[in-house]
Every structure is written in C-alpha cells, then in structure tokens.
C-alpha atoms as a PDB file:
ATOM      1  CA  MET A   1      21.573  -5.036 -30.838  1.00  0.00           C
ATOM      2  CA  LEU A   2      19.264  -2.505 -29.121  1.00  0.00           C
ATOM      3  CA  ALA A   3      16.257  -4.767 -29.625  1.00  0.00           C
ATOM      4  CA  GLU A   4      18.220  -7.683 -28.193  1.00  0.00           C
ATOM      5  CA  LYS A   5      19.152  -5.668 -25.110  1.00  0.00           C
ATOM      6  CA  ARG A   6      15.533  -4.652 -24.587  1.00  0.00           C
ATOM      7  CA  PHE A   7      14.422  -8.257 -24.892  1.00  0.00           C
ATOM      8  CA  VAL A   8      17.005  -9.404 -22.344  1.00  0.00           C
ATOM      9  CA  ALA A   9      15.945  -6.586 -19.979  1.00  0.00           C
ATOM     10  CA  GLU A  10      12.289  -7.582 -20.261  1.00  0.00           C
ATOM     11  CA  VAL A  11      13.115 -11.243 -19.602  1.00  0.00           C
ATOM     12  CA  ASN A  12      15.156 -10.275 -16.558  1.00  0.00           C
ATOM     13  CA  THR A  13      12.346  -8.061 -15.261  1.00  0.00           C
ATOM     14  CA  ILE A  14       9.769 -10.830 -15.627  1.00  0.00           C
ATOM     15  CA  ALA A  15      12.078 -13.313 -13.919  1.00  0.00           C
ATOM     16  CA  ASN A  16      12.784 -10.889 -11.085  1.00  0.00           C
ATOM     17  CA  ASP A  17       9.072 -10.131 -10.655  1.00  0.00           C
ATOM     18  CA  LYS A  18       8.307 -13.846 -10.574  1.00  0.00           C
ATOM     19  CA  ASP A  19      10.793 -14.333  -7.741  1.00  0.00           C
ATOM     20  CA  LEU A  20       9.345 -11.377  -5.833  1.00  0.00           C
ATOM     21  CA  VAL A  21       5.776 -12.627  -6.318  1.00  0.00           C
ATOM     22  CA  VAL A  22       6.717 -16.082  -4.990  1.00  0.00           C
ATOM     23  CA  ARG A  23       8.220 -14.427  -1.930  1.00  0.00           C
ATOM     24  CA  LEU A  24       5.170 -12.179  -1.588  1.00  0.00           C
ATOM     25  CA  ILE A  25       2.836 -15.188  -1.615  1.00  0.00           C
ATOM     26  CA  ASN A  26       4.854 -16.447   1.347  1.00  0.00           C
ATOM     27  CA  ASN A  27       4.215 -13.206   3.264  1.00  0.00           C
ATOM     28  CA  ASP A  28       7.607 -11.616   2.522  1.00  0.00           C
ATOM     29  CA  GLN A  29       7.058  -7.924   3.293  1.00  0.00           C
ATOM     30  CA  GLU A  30      10.415  -6.968   1.800  1.00  0.00           C
ATOM     31  CA  ALA A  31       9.313  -8.406  -1.564  1.00  0.00           C
ATOM     32  CA  PHE A  32       6.115  -6.387  -1.295  1.00  0.00           C
ATOM     33  CA  CYS A  33       8.111  -3.210  -0.685  1.00  0.00           C
ATOM     34  CA  GLU A  34      10.408  -3.948  -3.622  1.00  0.00           C
ATOM     35  CA  LEU A  35       7.478  -4.353  -6.001  1.00  0.00           C
ATOM     36  CA  TYR A  36       5.825  -1.242  -4.585  1.00  0.00           C
ATOM     37  CA  ALA A  37       8.949   0.866  -5.131  1.00  0.00           C
ATOM     38  CA  LYS A  38       9.717  -0.671  -8.520  1.00  0.00           C
ATOM     39  CA  TYR A  39       6.467   0.366 -10.214  1.00  0.00           C
ATOM     40  CA  LYS A  40       5.581   3.478  -8.228  1.00  0.00           C
ATOM     41  CA  GLN A  41       6.905   6.213 -10.509  1.00  0.00           C
ATOM     42  CA  GLN A  42       5.653   4.819 -13.802  1.00  0.00           C
ATOM     43  CA  LEU A  43       2.199   4.014 -12.442  1.00  0.00           C
ATOM     44  CA  LEU A  44       1.844   7.367 -10.695  1.00  0.00           C
ATOM     45  CA  TYR A  45       2.664   8.978 -14.042  1.00  0.00           C
ATOM     46  CA  PHE A  46       0.083   6.723 -15.689  1.00  0.00           C
ATOM     47  CA  ALA A  47      -2.626   7.617 -13.130  1.00  0.00           C
ATOM     48  CA  MET A  48      -1.800  11.330 -13.255  1.00  0.00           C
ATOM     49  CA  LYS A  49      -2.744  11.424 -16.945  1.00  0.00           C
ATOM     50  CA  PHE A  50      -6.328  10.765 -15.919  1.00  0.00           C
ATOM     51  CA  VAL A  51      -6.932  12.071 -12.407  1.00  0.00           C
ATOM     52  CA  LYS A  52      -4.728  15.216 -12.694  1.00  0.00           C
ATOM     53  CA  SER A  53      -3.836  15.056  -8.998  1.00  0.00           C
ATOM     54  CA  THR A  54      -0.660  13.695  -7.440  1.00  0.00           C
ATOM     55  CA  GLU A  55      -2.433  13.021  -4.159  1.00  0.00           C
ATOM     56  CA  PHE A  56      -5.315  11.211  -5.864  1.00  0.00           C
ATOM     57  CA  ALA A  57      -2.895   9.203  -8.020  1.00  0.00           C
ATOM     58  CA  GLU A  58      -0.944   8.142  -4.924  1.00  0.00           C
ATOM     59  CA  ASP A  59      -4.167   7.067  -3.209  1.00  0.00           C
ATOM     60  CA  ILE A  60      -5.076   4.931  -6.211  1.00  0.00           C
ATOM     61  CA  TYR A  61      -1.608   3.356  -6.283  1.00  0.00           C
ATOM     62  CA  GLN A  62      -1.648   2.644  -2.547  1.00  0.00           C
ATOM     63  CA  ASP A  63      -5.129   1.179  -2.827  1.00  0.00           C
ATOM     64  CA  ALA A  64      -3.994  -1.086  -5.688  1.00  0.00           C
ATOM     65  CA  PHE A  65      -1.144  -2.465  -3.591  1.00  0.00           C
ATOM     66  CA  SER A  66      -3.486  -2.893  -0.657  1.00  0.00           C
ATOM     67  CA  VAL A  67      -5.525  -5.184  -2.902  1.00  0.00           C
ATOM     68  CA  ILE A  68      -2.375  -7.043  -3.929  1.00  0.00           C
ATOM     69  CA  TRP A  69      -1.297  -7.602  -0.332  1.00  0.00           C
ATOM     70  CA  GLN A  70      -4.754  -8.791   0.746  1.00  0.00           C
ATOM     71  CA  SER A  71      -5.012 -11.201  -2.200  1.00  0.00           C
ATOM     72  CA  ARG A  72      -1.332 -12.227  -2.281  1.00  0.00           C
ATOM     73  CA  ARG A  73      -2.106 -15.912  -1.654  1.00  0.00           C
ATOM     74  CA  PHE A  74      -4.048 -16.017  -4.914  1.00  0.00           C
ATOM     75  CA  LEU A  75      -1.350 -14.490  -7.130  1.00  0.00           C
ATOM     76  CA  ASP A  76      -0.050 -16.583  -9.997  1.00  0.00           C
ATOM     77  CA  PRO A  77       3.765 -16.306 -10.323  1.00  0.00           C
ATOM     78  CA  GLU A  78       3.546 -17.571 -13.916  1.00  0.00           C
ATOM     79  CA  LYS A  79       1.532 -14.544 -15.000  1.00  0.00           C
ATOM     80  CA  THR A  80       3.082 -11.154 -15.705  1.00  0.00           C
ATOM     81  CA  PHE A  81       2.855  -9.108 -12.513  1.00  0.00           C
ATOM     82  CA  SER A  82       3.148  -5.734 -14.261  1.00  0.00           C
ATOM     83  CA  SER A  83       0.107  -6.449 -16.454  1.00  0.00           C
ATOM     84  CA  TYR A  84      -1.905  -7.525 -13.423  1.00  0.00           C
ATOM     85  CA  LEU A  85      -0.893  -4.377 -11.539  1.00  0.00           C
ATOM     86  CA  TYR A  86      -1.717  -2.090 -14.472  1.00  0.00           C
ATOM     87  CA  THR A  87      -5.155  -3.701 -14.724  1.00  0.00           C
ATOM     88  CA  ILE A  88      -5.904  -3.031 -11.055  1.00  0.00           C
ATOM     89  CA  VAL A  89      -4.751   0.590 -11.297  1.00  0.00           C
ATOM     90  CA  LYS A  90      -6.676   1.139 -14.532  1.00  0.00           C
ATOM     91  CA  ASN A  91      -9.887  -0.204 -12.990  1.00  0.00           C
ATOM     92  CA  ARG A  92      -9.421   1.982  -9.912  1.00  0.00           C
ATOM     93  CA  ILE A  93      -8.972   5.028 -12.135  1.00  0.00           C
ATOM     94  CA  LEU A  94     -12.089   4.219 -14.167  1.00  0.00           C
ATOM     95  CA  ASN A  95     -14.145   3.690 -11.007  1.00  0.00           C
ATOM     96  CA  ALA A  96     -12.912   6.970  -9.531  1.00  0.00           C
ATOM     97  CA  LEU A  97     -13.674   8.943 -12.698  1.00  0.00           C
ATOM     98  CA  ARG A  98     -17.108   7.328 -12.918  1.00  0.00           C
ATOM     99  CA  GLU A  99     -17.928   8.269  -9.328  1.00  0.00           C
ATOM    100  CA  ILE A 100     -16.712  11.842  -9.838  1.00  0.00           C
ATOM    101  CA  GLU A 101     -18.860  12.218 -12.953  1.00  0.00           C
ATOM    102  CA  ASN A 102     -21.921  10.731 -11.236  1.00  0.00           C
ATOM    103  CA  ASP A 103     -21.520  13.066  -8.255  1.00  0.00           C
ATOM    104  CA  ARG A 104     -21.141  16.057 -10.585  1.00  0.00           C
ATOM    105  CA  LYS A 105     -24.301  15.151 -12.502  1.00  0.00           C
ATOM    106  CA  LEU A 106     -26.239  14.560  -9.288  1.00  0.00           C
ATOM    107  CA  LYS A 107     -25.284  17.913  -7.797  1.00  0.00           C
ATOM    108  CA  THR A 108     -26.085  19.708 -11.069  1.00  0.00           C
ATOM    109  CA  TYR A 109     -29.481  18.000 -11.166  1.00  0.00           C
ATOM    110  CA  ILE A 110     -30.541  18.795  -7.621  1.00  0.00           C
ATOM    111  CA  LEU A 111     -29.378  22.398  -7.907  1.00  0.00           C
ATOM    112  CA  SER A 112     -31.346  22.897 -11.127  1.00  0.00           C
ATOM    113  CA  ASN A 113     -34.482  21.472  -9.519  1.00  0.00           C
ATOM    114  CA  ALA A 114     -34.172  22.946  -6.050  1.00  0.00           C
ATOM    115  CA  ILE A 115     -36.090  26.166  -6.765  1.00  0.00           C
ATOM    116  CA  ASP A 116     -38.898  24.347  -8.562  1.00  0.00           C
ATOM    117  CA  TYR A 117     -39.650  22.113  -5.603  1.00  0.00           C
ATOM    118  CA  SER A 118     -38.776  24.211  -2.571  1.00  0.00           C
ATOM    119  CA  ASP A 119     -41.873  26.426  -2.515  1.00  0.00           C
ATOM    120  CA  VAL A 120     -44.172  23.438  -2.836  1.00  0.00           C
ATOM    121  CA  THR A 121     -42.514  21.143  -0.351  1.00  0.00           C
ATOM    122  CA  ASN A 122     -42.195  23.803   2.329  1.00  0.00           C
ATOM    123  CA  GLN A 123     -45.983  23.753   2.603  1.00  0.00           C
ATOM    124  CA  TYR A 124     -46.020  20.068   3.550  1.00  0.00           C
ATOM    125  CA  ILE A 125     -42.871  19.146   5.400  1.00  0.00           C
ATOM    126  CA  GLN A 126     -40.578  20.607   8.011  1.00  0.00           C
ATOM    127  CA  LEU A 127     -36.823  20.311   8.151  1.00  0.00           C
ATOM    128  CA  ASN A 128     -36.877  18.087  11.253  1.00  0.00           C
ATOM    129  CA  GLU A 129     -39.113  15.594   9.439  1.00  0.00           C
ATOM    130  CA  LEU A 130     -36.591  15.423   6.625  1.00  0.00           C
ATOM    131  CA  GLU A 131     -33.852  14.784   9.131  1.00  0.00           C
ATOM    132  CA  ILE A 132     -35.857  11.909  10.638  1.00  0.00           C
ATOM    133  CA  ILE A 133     -36.220  10.278   7.223  1.00  0.00           C
ATOM    134  CA  LEU A 134     -32.543  10.833   6.492  1.00  0.00           C
ATOM    135  CA  ASP A 135     -31.587   9.295   9.837  1.00  0.00           C
ATOM    136  CA  ARG A 136     -33.572   6.191   8.929  1.00  0.00           C
ATOM    137  CA  ALA A 137     -31.624   5.985   5.675  1.00  0.00           C
ATOM    138  CA  LEU A 138     -28.333   6.342   7.548  1.00  0.00           C
ATOM    139  CA  GLU A 139     -29.269   3.394   9.773  1.00  0.00           C
ATOM    140  CA  LYS A 140     -28.850   1.194   6.694  1.00  0.00           C
ATOM    141  CA  LEU A 141     -25.145   2.068   6.462  1.00  0.00           C
ATOM    142  CA  THR A 142     -22.315   0.217   8.150  1.00  0.00           C
ATOM    143  CA  PRO A 143     -20.863   1.974  11.228  1.00  0.00           C
ATOM    144  CA  ARG A 144     -17.752   2.975   9.234  1.00  0.00           C
ATOM    145  CA  GLN A 145     -19.772   4.326   6.297  1.00  0.00           C
ATOM    146  CA  ARG A 146     -21.987   6.351   8.608  1.00  0.00           C
ATOM    147  CA  GLN A 147     -19.009   7.708  10.532  1.00  0.00           C
ATOM    148  CA  ILE A 148     -17.322   8.944   7.369  1.00  0.00           C
ATOM    149  CA  PHE A 149     -20.557  10.275   5.893  1.00  0.00           C
ATOM    150  CA  GLU A 150     -21.390  12.275   9.042  1.00  0.00           C
ATOM    151  CA  MET A 151     -17.840  13.609   9.313  1.00  0.00           C
ATOM    152  CA  SER A 152     -18.268  14.954   5.790  1.00  0.00           C
ATOM    153  CA  ARG A 153     -21.818  16.261   6.119  1.00  0.00           C
ATOM    154  CA  ASN A 154     -22.177  17.303   9.756  1.00  0.00           C
ATOM    155  CA  GLU A 155     -18.634  18.313  10.620  1.00  0.00           C
ATOM    156  CA  GLN A 156     -17.925  19.826   7.184  1.00  0.00           C
ATOM    157  CA  MET A 157     -14.606  17.946   6.975  1.00  0.00           C
ATOM    158  CA  THR A 158     -12.876  17.558   3.630  1.00  0.00           C
ATOM    159  CA  HIS A 159     -12.043  14.102   2.276  1.00  0.00           C
ATOM    160  CA  LYS A 160      -8.376  14.742   3.078  1.00  0.00           C
ATOM    161  CA  GLU A 161      -9.179  15.730   6.670  1.00  0.00           C
ATOM    162  CA  ILE A 162     -11.279  12.600   7.149  1.00  0.00           C
ATOM    163  CA  ALA A 163      -8.545  10.417   5.648  1.00  0.00           C
ATOM    164  CA  ASP A 164      -5.951  11.916   7.999  1.00  0.00           C
ATOM    165  CA  ALA A 165      -8.226  11.561  11.046  1.00  0.00           C
ATOM    166  CA  LEU A 166      -9.009   7.891  10.350  1.00  0.00           C
ATOM    167  CA  ASP A 167      -5.583   6.976   8.927  1.00  0.00           C
ATOM    168  CA  ILE A 168      -7.021   5.803   5.602  1.00  0.00           C
ATOM    169  CA  SER A 169      -6.574   6.993   2.021  1.00  0.00           C
ATOM    170  CA  VAL A 170      -8.606   9.779   0.398  1.00  0.00           C
ATOM    171  CA  PHE A 171      -9.657   7.247  -2.225  1.00  0.00           C
ATOM    172  CA  THR A 172     -11.116   5.001   0.501  1.00  0.00           C
ATOM    173  CA  VAL A 173     -13.037   7.958   1.962  1.00  0.00           C
ATOM    174  CA  GLN A 174     -14.481   8.763  -1.459  1.00  0.00           C
ATOM    175  CA  GLU A 175     -15.506   5.138  -1.967  1.00  0.00           C
ATOM    176  CA  HIS A 176     -17.291   5.023   1.398  1.00  0.00           C
ATOM    177  CA  ILE A 177     -19.164   8.254   0.651  1.00  0.00           C
ATOM    178  CA  SER A 178     -20.148   7.081  -2.839  1.00  0.00           C
ATOM    179  CA  ILE A 179     -21.448   3.780  -1.439  1.00  0.00           C
ATOM    180  CA  SER A 180     -23.337   5.675   1.271  1.00  0.00           C
ATOM    181  CA  LEU A 181     -24.991   7.959  -1.275  1.00  0.00           C
ATOM    182  CA  ARG A 182     -26.092   4.977  -3.361  1.00  0.00           C
ATOM    183  CA  SER A 183     -27.534   3.288  -0.270  1.00  0.00           C
ATOM    184  CA  ILE A 184     -29.394   6.434   0.778  1.00  0.00           C
ATOM    185  CA  LYS A 185     -30.821   6.976  -2.711  1.00  0.00           C
ATOM    186  CA  HIS A 186     -31.960   3.341  -2.786  1.00  0.00           C
ATOM    187  CA  PHE A 187     -33.701   3.787   0.590  1.00  0.00           C
ATOM    188  CA  LEU A 188     -35.426   6.983  -0.585  1.00  0.00           C
ATOM    189  CA  ARG A 189     -37.031   5.299  -3.599  1.00  0.00           C
ATOM    190  CA  LYS A 190     -40.164   4.681  -1.496  1.00  0.00           C
ATOM    191  CA  TYR A 191     -40.710   8.435  -1.090  1.00  0.00           C
ATOM    192  CA  PRO A 192     -42.160  10.957  -3.618  1.00  0.00           C
ATOM    193  CA  ASP A 193     -39.724  12.491  -6.110  1.00  0.00           C
ATOM    194  CA  TYR A 194     -40.045  16.014  -4.716  1.00  0.00           C
ATOM    195  CA  LEU A 195     -39.112  14.759  -1.248  1.00  0.00           C
ATOM    196  CA  VAL A 196     -36.150  12.794  -2.550  1.00  0.00           C
ATOM    197  CA  THR A 197     -34.838  15.914  -4.278  1.00  0.00           C
ATOM    198  CA  LEU A 198     -35.094  17.965  -1.107  1.00  0.00           C
ATOM    199  CA  LEU A 199     -33.335  15.296   0.930  1.00  0.00           C
ATOM    200  CA  LEU A 200     -30.552  15.063  -1.628  1.00  0.00           C
ATOM    201  CA  ILE A 201     -30.070  18.803  -1.393  1.00  0.00           C
ATOM    202  CA  LEU A 202     -29.594  18.377   2.360  1.00  0.00           C
ATOM    203  CA  ILE A 203     -26.906  15.739   2.004  1.00  0.00           C
ATOM    204  CA  CYS A 204     -25.087  16.083  -1.316  1.00  0.00           C
ATOM    205  CA  LEU A 205     -23.948  19.670  -1.341  1.00  0.00           C
ATOM    206  CA  ASN A 206     -21.794  19.105   1.740  1.00  0.00           C
ATOM    207  CA  THR A 207     -20.253  15.749   0.784  1.00  0.00           C
END
C-alpha cells in the first residue's frame, strides 16, 4: 500500500511538472515561480552538502534557474524536469568546487615561490612596469569582466559586496573573476616564469 501511494505521488509529480514545463516554454512566469518554489528546499539541502554555505547554495540554485529560464524554449516536457534540474545544479556545484580548489592551489603556489623570486626580479623590473603589463592583460577582458576584476583587486571589495553593487549573484561574480584569471594567465604565457609569478602575486592575493 505504501509503495503504491509513493508510485501514485511520483506519477502525479511528473504530470504536474510536465504541465508546468509546457507553460514555462510559453513564457508563463507563474509556472517558473512554481517550479522554483517546489524544488528550492530539497536542492538547497543538496547543494549545502558540498558547498557548506547557505548563501553559496542559494546562488547556485538561482543560477540554475536562470539557465532554465534562458533556455526554456528548448525544454522537453516529455523528460523528467527534476532530473534535468538536479543535473544543472550538480554541474554548477562541481564547477564551483573546481574553481575554489584551483584558486587555493594557485595562491599556495605563488606564496611559496614569492620569496625565491622577489630578490632577483627587483633588480630588473619596477612595479609600474608590472602594472603596464597587467593593464595590457586586462584589455583582453570584456568590460564586465574587467569591471568586476578591478572592483575586487583595486577597491578591495568582497564578492558579496560586488554582487550587491551590480545586482548579480555571488556565484556570477566568482565565475567572472575565475574567467578573468584564466585570461590573464593565458596572456602572460609570453613572459618569463619569474615575471608571471610576480604578476600573479600582484593580482591573486586580493581577488
């Protein structure tokens, strides 16, 4: 009897989701809000297991539904919405954890090498020359990426402060900064390793 009730509940949920997805495809904002509210608690709990932050988990969930709204015309009502949503959230979590780990390793690396290089490089290059090279790297960023990167580095704003100022999520801020760092590191590949390390010290410890 219990198994039968669960089966009926699951069938009803799938049918209800299908109806909401059809409405969502047709730009029904109320259907979007219903789906958002329906899965919020269980997916926040799911995300919290990994990111250990309510705020970060909420950013991931909001970002997932932003993707759903933007791609609503391509949704398939015949496919299980909950599975699709879980996949998006899971991928966002994995990407976030990967970026956090990469940033941690990068900062550990440049700190461990800073003393070894600083005495040598100070004989050949001045701080303003480093800033010129860095500015050239920043020119490769989009206006939005550069704005967020400079708010973090130059104005010493936290990711939360930047998110509030620009009315975007913390997760979006972190993505922009991660993309900016990758672009800058790619640009710096033409320079000697000791110079790259010194430039990374200038930018990474404040982002």
